[in-house]
Amino acid sequence: MTTTMIDTDAAATFTEVFAAGDFAGDVGPRMSCTEVDALAGMLRAVGADTAAATWIDAHAAADDEGDSHFQPIAPAEAGHGTDQ
């Protein structure tokens, strides 16, 4: 692993732009697993762990079974739970 110095203003702007949950929700599902992993890695590298998780979760919503971020929906979440 190599360490690279980056401009803190650029890193702050990058984090601010990509930390927006609505942006992740719009774009994340359209990204490949490799693309979202790279973006999440950069966000983690600048200390934006929550934003990284938001992108992974947004992307995972559109992943199919067998994709690396696929998250099966529990029966209760899918509307097949018991009536109360």
Protein backbone atom coordinates (compact mmCIF):
# COMPACT_ATOMS: atom_id res chain seq x y z
CA MET A 1 0.00 0.00 0.00
CA THR A 2 1.29 3.44 -0.86
CA THR A 3 0.55 6.70 0.85
CA THR A 4 -0.15 9.78 -1.23
CA MET A 5 -0.50 13.34 -0.04
CA ILE A 6 -3.67 15.06 -1.23
CA ASP A 7 -4.98 18.59 -0.95
CA THR A 8 -7.24 18.79 2.09
CA ASP A 9 -9.60 21.24 0.38
CA ALA A 10 -10.06 18.83 -2.52
CA ALA A 11 -10.62 15.94 -0.10
CA ALA A 12 -13.19 17.97 1.83
CA THR A 13 -15.04 18.91 -1.36
CA PHE A 14 -14.96 15.30 -2.58
CA THR A 15 -16.38 14.10 0.73
CA GLU A 16 -19.08 16.77 0.81
CA VAL A 17 -20.23 15.97 -2.72
CA PHE A 18 -20.21 12.20 -2.36
CA ALA A 19 -21.63 12.10 1.18
CA ALA A 20 -25.06 13.19 -0.09
CA GLY A 21 -27.46 10.31 0.50
CA ASP A 22 -29.80 11.33 -2.31
CA PHE A 23 -26.91 11.28 -4.78
CA ALA A 24 -25.93 7.80 -3.59
CA GLY A 25 -29.53 6.65 -3.92
CA ASP A 26 -29.78 7.95 -7.48
CA VAL A 27 -26.39 6.82 -8.79
CA GLY A 28 -25.36 3.90 -6.56
CA PRO A 29 -27.78 1.37 -8.07
CA ARG A 30 -26.43 2.17 -11.56
CA MET A 31 -22.79 1.52 -10.61
CA SER A 32 -20.96 -1.77 -10.95
CA CYS A 33 -19.73 -3.51 -7.82
CA THR A 34 -16.15 -2.59 -8.73
CA GLU A 35 -17.07 1.08 -9.18
CA VAL A 36 -18.91 1.38 -5.89
CA ASP A 37 -16.14 -0.49 -4.04
CA ALA A 38 -13.58 1.98 -5.44
CA LEU A 39 -15.70 4.98 -4.44
CA ALA A 40 -16.37 3.56 -0.98
CA GLY A 41 -12.65 2.91 -0.56
CA MET A 42 -11.83 6.54 -1.34
CA LEU A 43 -14.51 7.76 1.04
CA ARG A 44 -13.11 5.54 3.80
CA ALA A 45 -9.59 6.80 3.02
CA VAL A 46 -10.70 10.37 3.77
CA GLY A 47 -12.56 9.32 6.92
CA ALA A 48 -16.09 9.28 5.51
CA ASP A 49 -17.05 5.77 6.67
CA THR A 50 -20.76 6.56 6.94
CA ALA A 51 -20.85 7.93 3.38
CA ALA A 52 -19.03 4.80 2.16
CA ALA A 53 -21.64 2.59 3.81
CA THR A 54 -24.44 4.72 2.31
CA TRP A 55 -23.05 4.14 -1.21
CA ILE A 56 -22.66 0.39 -0.66
CA ASP A 57 -26.22 0.16 0.70
CA ALA A 58 -27.67 2.21 -2.16
CA HIS A 59 -25.83 0.08 -4.69
CA ALA A 60 -26.82 -3.16 -2.97
CA ALA A 61 -30.51 -2.31 -3.35
CA ALA A 62 -30.19 -3.07 -7.07
CA ASP A 63 -27.78 -6.01 -6.85
CA ASP A 64 -29.05 -9.39 -7.95
CA GLU A 65 -28.51 -12.69 -6.18
CA GLY A 66 -24.90 -13.70 -6.77
CA ASP A 67 -23.63 -10.10 -6.89
CA SER A 68 -21.12 -9.21 -4.20
CA HIS A 69 -23.37 -6.69 -2.39
CA PHE A 70 -26.66 -8.57 -2.74
CA GLN A 71 -28.78 -8.38 0.41
CA PRO A 72 -31.79 -10.69 0.43
CA ILE A 73 -34.97 -9.11 1.71
CA ALA A 74 -36.36 -10.73 4.82
CA PRO A 75 -39.99 -11.92 4.39
CA ALA A 76 -41.33 -9.31 6.84
CA GLU A 77 -39.56 -6.53 4.91
CA ALA A 78 -40.97 -7.79 1.62
CA GLY A 79 -44.53 -7.45 2.87
CA HIS A 80 -45.01 -11.15 3.48
CA GLY A 81 -44.97 -10.95 7.26
CA THR A 82 -47.83 -11.80 9.53
CA ASP A 83 -50.63 -9.29 9.97
CA GLN A 84 -50.77 -7.59 13.31
